[in-house]
Amino acid sequence: QVQLVESGGGLVQAGGSLRLSCAASGIILGSDVMAWYRQTPGKQRELVAIITSGGTTHYEDFVKGRFTISRDNARNTVYLQMTRLKSDDTAVYYCNKGLVPSYQWGQGTQVTVSA
């Protein structure tokens, strides 16, 4: 059974930083394109960043230059380093496959940025 467990969220002031982790079990992430997504109440879940199995990355414009996605295949974990956080970044953050998020969604981790 595939399980994705996100962690690392919290309350942070604008301009601060957080590092999110996504630990996977039941699968080997090494060959998967993985991504971080986020969702705020009343809005659709949106893509934040993607990383290929080879480490190539893509970022949505609203996080480009501030967030960094990475992966540690030995630990079966994907990370999202978030810097210069803004109040608009407040959301629940999830990881899943990139392109087509076909794994069961985890609980996500709440990120709250105070002004």
C-alpha atoms as a PDB file:
ATOM      1  CA  GLN A   1       0.000   0.000   0.000  1.00  0.00           C
ATOM      2  CA  VAL A   2       1.383   3.367  -1.042  1.00  0.00           C
ATOM      3  CA  GLN A   3       1.619   5.957   1.691  1.00  0.00           C
ATOM      4  CA  LEU A   4       2.881   9.515   1.414  1.00  0.00           C
ATOM      5  CA  VAL A   5       3.506  11.379   4.663  1.00  0.00           C
ATOM      6  CA  GLU A   6       4.158  15.091   4.524  1.00  0.00           C
ATOM      7  CA  SER A   7       5.730  16.977   7.427  1.00  0.00           C
ATOM      8  CA  GLY A   8       7.594  20.129   8.299  1.00  0.00           C
ATOM      9  CA  GLY A   9       4.836  22.698   8.066  1.00  0.00           C
ATOM     10  CA  GLY A  10       4.082  25.267  10.702  1.00  0.00           C
ATOM     11  CA  LEU A  11       3.521  28.907  11.472  1.00  0.00           C
ATOM     12  CA  VAL A  12       6.153  31.301  10.212  1.00  0.00           C
ATOM     13  CA  GLN A  13       6.428  35.042   9.717  1.00  0.00           C
ATOM     14  CA  ALA A  14       6.535  36.528   6.264  1.00  0.00           C
ATOM     15  CA  GLY A  15      10.065  36.390   4.940  1.00  0.00           C
ATOM     16  CA  GLY A  16      10.843  33.252   6.883  1.00  0.00           C
ATOM     17  CA  SER A  17      11.710  29.733   5.760  1.00  0.00           C
ATOM     18  CA  LEU A  18      10.466  26.192   6.160  1.00  0.00           C
ATOM     19  CA  ARG A  19      11.579  22.827   4.865  1.00  0.00           C
ATOM     20  CA  LEU A  20       8.896  20.299   4.018  1.00  0.00           C
ATOM     21  CA  SER A  21       9.486  16.563   3.747  1.00  0.00           C
ATOM     22  CA  CYS A  22       7.510  13.859   1.991  1.00  0.00           C
ATOM     23  CA  ALA A  23       8.353  10.334   3.059  1.00  0.00           C
ATOM     24  CA  ALA A  24       7.059   7.491   0.925  1.00  0.00           C
ATOM     25  CA  SER A  25       6.408   3.897   1.837  1.00  0.00           C
ATOM     26  CA  GLY A  26       5.100   1.029  -0.239  1.00  0.00           C
ATOM     27  CA  ILE A  27       6.795   2.391  -3.324  1.00  0.00           C
ATOM     28  CA  ILE A  28      10.251   3.205  -4.573  1.00  0.00           C
ATOM     29  CA  LEU A  29      10.288   6.847  -5.597  1.00  0.00           C
ATOM     30  CA  GLY A  30      13.538   6.675  -7.508  1.00  0.00           C
ATOM     31  CA  SER A  31      11.987   6.317 -10.948  1.00  0.00           C
ATOM     32  CA  ASP A  32       9.006   8.598 -10.387  1.00  0.00           C
ATOM     33  CA  VAL A  33       8.548  12.198 -11.355  1.00  0.00           C
ATOM     34  CA  MET A  34       7.457  13.730  -8.060  1.00  0.00           C
ATOM     35  CA  ALA A  35       5.859  17.036  -7.227  1.00  0.00           C
ATOM     36  CA  TRP A  36       4.637  19.286  -4.476  1.00  0.00           C
ATOM     37  CA  TYR A  37       1.136  20.702  -4.626  1.00  0.00           C
ATOM     38  CA  ARG A  38      -0.792  23.055  -2.386  1.00  0.00           C
ATOM     39  CA  GLN A  39      -4.387  23.833  -1.630  1.00  0.00           C
ATOM     40  CA  THR A  40      -6.227  26.602   0.154  1.00  0.00           C
ATOM     41  CA  PRO A  41      -9.878  26.426   1.246  1.00  0.00           C
ATOM     42  CA  GLY A  42     -12.270  26.908  -1.631  1.00  0.00           C
ATOM     43  CA  LYS A  43      -9.593  26.558  -4.280  1.00  0.00           C
ATOM     44  CA  GLN A  44      -8.373  23.703  -6.413  1.00  0.00           C
ATOM     45  CA  ARG A  45      -5.129  21.999  -5.560  1.00  0.00           C
ATOM     46  CA  GLU A  46      -2.324  23.568  -7.587  1.00  0.00           C
ATOM     47  CA  LEU A  47       1.080  22.440  -8.681  1.00  0.00           C
ATOM     48  CA  VAL A  48       4.040  24.086  -6.961  1.00  0.00           C
ATOM     49  CA  ALA A  49       7.147  22.274  -8.220  1.00  0.00           C
ATOM     50  CA  ILE A  50       8.226  19.115 -10.016  1.00  0.00           C
ATOM     51  CA  ILE A  51      11.386  17.036  -9.918  1.00  0.00           C
ATOM     52  CA  THR A  52      12.250  14.250 -12.325  1.00  0.00           C
ATOM     53  CA  SER A  53      14.044  11.052 -11.429  1.00  0.00           C
ATOM     54  CA  GLY A  54      17.209  12.626 -12.800  1.00  0.00           C
ATOM     55  CA  GLY A  55      16.846  15.772 -10.725  1.00  0.00           C
ATOM     56  CA  THR A  56      15.541  18.178 -13.345  1.00  0.00           C
ATOM     57  CA  THR A  57      13.208  20.679 -11.722  1.00  0.00           C
ATOM     58  CA  HIS A  58      10.349  22.910 -12.731  1.00  0.00           C
ATOM     59  CA  TYR A  59       8.709  25.625 -10.646  1.00  0.00           C
ATOM     60  CA  GLU A  60       5.512  27.532 -11.010  1.00  0.00           C
ATOM     61  CA  ASP A  61       6.108  31.247 -11.463  1.00  0.00           C
ATOM     62  CA  PHE A  62       4.685  32.160  -8.077  1.00  0.00           C
ATOM     63  CA  VAL A  63       7.458  30.240  -6.237  1.00  0.00           C
ATOM     64  CA  LYS A  64      10.311  30.493  -8.716  1.00  0.00           C
ATOM     65  CA  GLY A  65      13.459  31.765  -7.056  1.00  0.00           C
ATOM     66  CA  ARG A  66      12.067  31.185  -3.556  1.00  0.00           C
ATOM     67  CA  PHE A  67      11.374  27.445  -3.334  1.00  0.00           C
ATOM     68  CA  THR A  68      13.669  24.506  -4.068  1.00  0.00           C
ATOM     69  CA  ILE A  69      12.493  20.956  -4.639  1.00  0.00           C
ATOM     70  CA  SER A  70      14.913  18.099  -4.085  1.00  0.00           C
ATOM     71  CA  ARG A  71      14.887  14.379  -3.509  1.00  0.00           C
ATOM     72  CA  ASP A  72      16.882  11.773  -1.642  1.00  0.00           C
ATOM     73  CA  ASN A  73      16.167   8.471  -3.342  1.00  0.00           C
ATOM     74  CA  ALA A  74      18.106   6.530  -0.718  1.00  0.00           C
ATOM     75  CA  ARG A  75      15.706   7.867   1.909  1.00  0.00           C
ATOM     76  CA  ASN A  76      12.696   7.627  -0.422  1.00  0.00           C
ATOM     77  CA  THR A  77      11.940  11.243   0.434  1.00  0.00           C
ATOM     78  CA  VAL A  78      11.181  14.426  -1.451  1.00  0.00           C
ATOM     79  CA  TYR A  79      11.793  17.871   0.050  1.00  0.00           C
ATOM     80  CA  LEU A  80      10.611  21.407  -0.505  1.00  0.00           C
ATOM     81  CA  GLN A  81      12.793  24.181   0.841  1.00  0.00           C
ATOM     82  CA  MET A  82      10.731  27.337   1.077  1.00  0.00           C
ATOM     83  CA  THR A  83      12.324  30.736   1.598  1.00  0.00           C
ATOM     84  CA  ARG A  84      11.077  34.325   1.562  1.00  0.00           C
ATOM     85  CA  LEU A  85       7.641  33.072   2.424  1.00  0.00           C
ATOM     86  CA  LYS A  86       4.641  35.284   1.745  1.00  0.00           C
ATOM     87  CA  SER A  87       1.145  35.262   3.198  1.00  0.00           C
ATOM     88  CA  ASP A  88      -0.087  33.967  -0.180  1.00  0.00           C
ATOM     89  CA  ASP A  89       1.937  30.800   0.443  1.00  0.00           C
ATOM     90  CA  THR A  90      -0.402  29.843   3.264  1.00  0.00           C
ATOM     91  CA  ALA A  91      -1.894  26.486   2.298  1.00  0.00           C
ATOM     92  CA  VAL A  92      -1.848  22.776   2.942  1.00  0.00           C
ATOM     93  CA  TYR A  93       1.072  21.275   1.043  1.00  0.00           C
ATOM     94  CA  TYR A  94       1.002  17.790  -0.451  1.00  0.00           C
ATOM     95  CA  CYS A  95       3.363  15.634  -2.439  1.00  0.00           C
ATOM     96  CA  ASN A  96       2.415  13.180  -5.150  1.00  0.00           C
ATOM     97  CA  LYS A  97       3.514  12.041  -8.557  1.00  0.00           C
ATOM     98  CA  GLY A  98       4.169  14.839 -10.968  1.00  0.00           C
ATOM     99  CA  LEU A  99       2.204  15.232 -14.222  1.00  0.00           C
ATOM    100  CA  VAL A 100      -0.518  12.793 -13.101  1.00  0.00           C
ATOM    101  CA  PRO A 101      -0.848  12.641  -9.294  1.00  0.00           C
ATOM    102  CA  SER A 102      -2.050   9.064  -9.192  1.00  0.00           C
ATOM    103  CA  TYR A 103      -0.993   8.058  -5.701  1.00  0.00           C
ATOM    104  CA  GLN A 104      -3.443   8.346  -2.854  1.00  0.00           C
ATOM    105  CA  TRP A 105      -3.121  11.780  -1.319  1.00  0.00           C
ATOM    106  CA  GLY A 106      -1.592  12.034   2.121  1.00  0.00           C
ATOM    107  CA  GLN A 107      -2.820  14.296   4.905  1.00  0.00           C
ATOM    108  CA  GLY A 108      -0.629  17.152   3.807  1.00  0.00           C
ATOM    109  CA  THR A 109       1.182  19.602   6.036  1.00  0.00           C
ATOM    110  CA  GLN A 110      -0.197  23.014   6.923  1.00  0.00           C
ATOM    111  CA  VAL A 111       1.938  26.066   6.212  1.00  0.00           C
ATOM    112  CA  THR A 112       0.718  29.326   7.677  1.00  0.00           C
ATOM    113  CA  VAL A 113       2.559  32.556   6.927  1.00  0.00           C
ATOM    114  CA  SER A 114       1.705  35.527   9.082  1.00  0.00           C
ATOM    115  CA  ALA A 115       2.061  39.038   7.748  1.00  0.00           C
END
